[in-house]
């Protein structure tokens, strides 16, 4: 078995993959916890329903609703831009600029004759 045939170390998942894993875990955990609380006790169900209604009423006020919609929109646009930027690669442009000759660096024709 040659050294190239040996298995290499497993690559660590990138930060974006770890963030998506945590987001997925959160999205799955919240409904599970709400369901467990809803089914656990009558008082817990009443408290959860009252909390959700209060939160929904607070978020539906005009300024909060418009602000939260604007913030979510900005987050969506920035997330899409970041994803597109990663797909396209870096936007660097390399330019080669030639320096113009200055009188001190220009070749002197009289020195070439000697």
Protein backbone atom coordinates (compact mmCIF):
# COMPACT_ATOMS: atom_id res chain seq x y z
CA UNK A 1 0.00 0.00 0.00
CA UNK A 2 1.52 3.31 -1.05
CA UNK A 3 1.21 6.55 0.95
CA UNK A 4 -1.22 7.93 -1.62
CA UNK A 5 -3.57 4.98 -1.01
CA UNK A 6 -3.91 5.75 2.70
CA UNK A 7 -7.14 7.42 3.70
CA UNK A 8 -6.72 11.08 4.43
CA UNK A 9 -8.09 12.86 7.47
CA UNK A 10 -11.77 13.65 7.14
CA UNK A 11 -12.29 17.27 6.26
CA UNK A 12 -13.97 19.45 8.85
CA UNK A 13 -17.37 20.72 7.76
CA UNK A 14 -17.32 24.33 6.71
CA UNK A 15 -18.82 27.04 8.90
CA UNK A 16 -21.81 27.47 6.59
CA UNK A 17 -22.68 23.78 6.87
CA UNK A 18 -22.46 23.92 10.66
CA UNK A 19 -24.71 26.99 10.76
CA UNK A 20 -27.31 25.25 8.60
CA UNK A 21 -27.16 22.21 10.90
CA UNK A 22 -27.82 24.39 13.97
CA UNK A 23 -30.64 26.21 12.16
CA UNK A 24 -32.23 22.89 11.17
CA UNK A 25 -31.90 21.62 14.73
CA UNK A 26 -33.58 24.78 16.05
CA UNK A 27 -36.40 24.58 13.50
CA UNK A 28 -37.06 20.97 14.48
CA UNK A 29 -36.66 21.49 18.24
CA UNK A 30 -39.08 24.41 18.64
CA UNK A 31 -42.20 22.62 17.27
CA UNK A 32 -41.25 19.51 19.23
CA UNK A 33 -41.00 21.47 22.48
CA UNK A 34 -44.25 23.33 21.77
CA UNK A 35 -46.01 20.02 21.14
CA UNK A 36 -44.61 18.51 24.35
CA UNK A 37 -45.66 21.55 26.37
CA UNK A 38 -49.10 21.62 24.73
CA UNK A 39 -49.75 17.98 25.64
CA UNK A 40 -48.18 18.01 29.10
CA UNK A 41 -50.70 19.88 31.26
CA UNK A 42 -53.79 22.05 30.97
CA UNK A 43 -52.13 25.03 32.69
CA UNK A 44 -49.07 24.75 30.41
CA UNK A 45 -51.37 24.70 27.37
CA UNK A 46 -53.19 27.80 28.59
CA UNK A 47 -49.92 29.64 29.31
CA UNK A 48 -48.49 28.70 25.89
CA UNK A 49 -51.65 29.84 24.07
CA UNK A 50 -51.70 33.13 25.98
CA UNK A 51 -48.01 33.70 25.25
CA UNK A 52 -48.42 33.02 21.53
CA UNK A 53 -51.45 35.34 21.32
CA UNK A 54 -49.59 38.11 23.15
CA UNK A 55 -46.54 37.74 20.93
CA UNK A 56 -48.67 37.70 17.76
CA UNK A 57 -50.54 40.81 18.89
CA UNK A 58 -47.31 42.62 19.68
CA UNK A 59 -45.72 41.69 16.35
CA UNK A 60 -48.83 42.78 14.42
CA UNK A 61 -48.57 46.42 15.52
CA UNK A 62 -47.91 48.61 12.46
CA UNK A 63 -44.38 49.83 13.19
CA UNK A 64 -43.11 46.47 14.48
CA UNK A 65 -44.66 44.55 11.57
CA UNK A 66 -43.19 46.86 8.93
CA UNK A 67 -39.78 46.98 10.62
CA UNK A 68 -39.58 43.21 11.01
CA UNK A 69 -40.65 42.69 7.38
CA UNK A 70 -37.94 45.13 6.24
CA UNK A 71 -35.29 43.43 8.39
CA UNK A 72 -36.27 39.97 7.14
CA UNK A 73 -36.15 41.28 3.54
CA UNK A 74 -32.67 42.70 4.05
CA UNK A 75 -31.48 39.44 5.59
CA UNK A 76 -32.90 37.46 2.64
CA UNK A 77 -31.18 39.73 0.10
CA UNK A 78 -27.84 39.65 1.94
CA UNK A 79 -28.03 35.86 2.33
CA UNK A 80 -28.72 35.43 -1.39
CA UNK A 81 -25.89 37.81 -2.27
CA UNK A 82 -23.47 35.88 -0.05
CA UNK A 83 -24.54 32.57 -1.58
CA UNK A 84 -24.20 33.94 -5.15
CA UNK A 85 -20.82 35.44 -4.31
CA UNK A 86 -19.56 32.09 -3.04
CA UNK A 87 -20.82 30.36 -6.19
CA UNK A 88 -19.19 32.90 -8.55
CA UNK A 89 -15.89 33.13 -6.71
CA UNK A 90 -13.99 36.24 -5.75
CA UNK A 91 -14.61 39.47 -7.64
CA UNK A 92 -10.96 40.49 -7.68
CA UNK A 93 -9.57 42.05 -10.82
CA UNK A 94 -5.81 42.08 -11.28
CA UNK A 95 -4.41 44.90 -13.32
CA UNK A 96 -0.88 45.36 -14.54
CA UNK A 97 -0.07 49.07 -14.68
CA UNK A 98 3.11 50.10 -16.40
CA UNK A 99 4.87 53.07 -14.89
CA UNK A 100 5.56 55.90 -17.39
CA UNK A 101 9.20 56.75 -17.88
CA UNK A 102 10.35 59.80 -15.99
CA UNK A 103 13.20 62.00 -17.26
CA UNK A 104 15.55 60.63 -14.58
CA UNK A 105 14.84 57.00 -15.49
CA UNK A 106 14.80 57.50 -19.28
CA UNK A 107 17.89 56.26 -21.13
CA UNK A 108 20.37 59.02 -21.84
CA UNK A 109 21.49 58.93 -25.52
CA UNK A 110 24.79 60.72 -24.78
CA UNK A 111 25.87 58.06 -22.26
CA UNK A 112 25.34 55.30 -24.83
CA UNK A 113 27.93 56.83 -27.25
CA UNK A 114 30.81 56.66 -24.81
